[in-house]
Amino acid sequence: MNEIEHKKTISRRKFISASTLAAFSFFYIPARLLGMVAIRMKVQPLERDAENLKFRNNNEANELLHIKYRDGWTL
């Protein structure tokens, strides 16, 4: 690829704005987190309570959704 073709290729690329990435991650990250919890809880199907952001039928899975902070730290 010569220099002119390279410049044309760069000018044709469409860049994604930061707000688009933030909107995408708003839905993608929680879904990925729930998937990782579901993989760890292979034995039992999980029932999700979307309004309360927890699982209805498994307290162990609910514990995996939140980080336990060391003493002296809170969020």
Protein backbone atom coordinates (compact mmCIF):
# COMPACT_ATOMS: atom_id res chain seq x y z
CA MET A 1 0.00 0.00 0.00
CA ASN A 2 1.47 3.31 -1.02
CA GLU A 3 1.13 6.60 0.88
CA ILE A 4 -1.90 7.86 -1.07
CA GLU A 5 -3.86 4.64 -0.59
CA HIS A 6 -2.99 4.71 3.11
CA LYS A 7 -4.33 8.26 3.51
CA LYS A 8 -7.55 7.33 1.68
CA THR A 9 -8.03 4.34 3.96
CA ILE A 10 -7.58 6.45 7.08
CA SER A 11 -9.99 9.13 5.83
CA ARG A 12 -12.73 6.52 5.17
CA ARG A 13 -12.65 5.07 8.65
CA LYS A 14 -15.55 5.95 10.87
CA PHE A 15 -14.73 6.61 14.47
CA ILE A 16 -17.09 5.77 17.31
CA SER A 17 -17.79 8.58 19.75
CA ALA A 18 -17.19 8.18 23.47
CA SER A 19 -20.90 8.56 24.21
CA THR A 20 -21.71 5.65 21.90
CA LEU A 21 -19.17 3.47 23.70
CA ALA A 22 -20.59 4.48 27.09
CA ALA A 23 -24.14 3.64 25.98
CA PHE A 24 -22.97 0.27 24.67
CA SER A 25 -21.05 -0.57 27.84
CA PHE A 26 -24.10 0.36 29.97
CA PHE A 27 -25.83 -2.79 28.67
CA TYR A 28 -22.84 -4.99 27.87
CA ILE A 29 -20.98 -4.95 31.19
CA PRO A 30 -23.91 -6.06 33.43
CA ALA A 31 -24.79 -8.83 30.98
CA ARG A 32 -21.21 -10.06 31.04
CA LEU A 33 -21.12 -9.96 34.84
CA LEU A 34 -24.33 -11.99 35.04
CA GLY A 35 -22.89 -14.49 32.58
CA MET A 36 -19.77 -14.96 34.70
CA VAL A 37 -21.91 -15.54 37.81
CA ALA A 38 -24.06 -18.04 35.88
CA ILE A 39 -20.95 -19.97 34.84
CA ARG A 40 -19.88 -20.26 38.48
CA MET A 41 -23.37 -21.43 39.49
CA LYS A 42 -23.50 -24.33 37.00
CA VAL A 43 -25.68 -26.53 39.15
CA GLN A 44 -28.75 -24.34 39.55
CA PRO A 45 -30.60 -22.10 37.06
CA LEU A 46 -30.70 -18.49 38.27
CA GLU A 47 -33.81 -16.33 38.41
CA ARG A 48 -32.90 -12.68 38.01
CA ASP A 49 -34.73 -9.84 39.75
CA ALA A 50 -33.91 -6.92 37.44
CA GLU A 51 -35.56 -4.25 39.58
CA ASN A 52 -33.55 -5.11 42.69
CA LEU A 53 -30.38 -6.12 40.78
CA LYS A 54 -30.08 -9.52 42.42
CA PHE A 55 -31.02 -13.17 42.01
CA ARG A 56 -34.22 -14.46 43.59
CA ASN A 57 -33.21 -18.05 44.21
CA ASN A 58 -29.51 -18.05 45.10
CA ASN A 59 -27.86 -16.00 47.85
CA GLU A 60 -24.41 -17.31 46.97
CA ALA A 61 -24.79 -15.86 43.47
CA ASN A 62 -25.88 -12.54 44.99
CA GLU A 63 -22.65 -12.41 47.00
CA LEU A 64 -20.64 -12.69 43.76
CA LEU A 65 -22.30 -9.52 42.41
CA HIS A 66 -20.69 -7.28 45.01
CA ILE A 67 -17.11 -6.78 46.10
CA LYS A 68 -16.28 -7.27 49.74
CA TYR A 69 -14.11 -4.35 50.81
CA ARG A 70 -11.32 -4.54 53.34
CA ASP A 71 -11.91 -3.05 56.76
CA GLY A 72 -11.89 0.73 56.69
CA TRP A 73 -13.12 1.01 53.08
CA THR A 74 -16.68 1.56 51.93
CA LEU A 75 -18.53 2.61 48.83
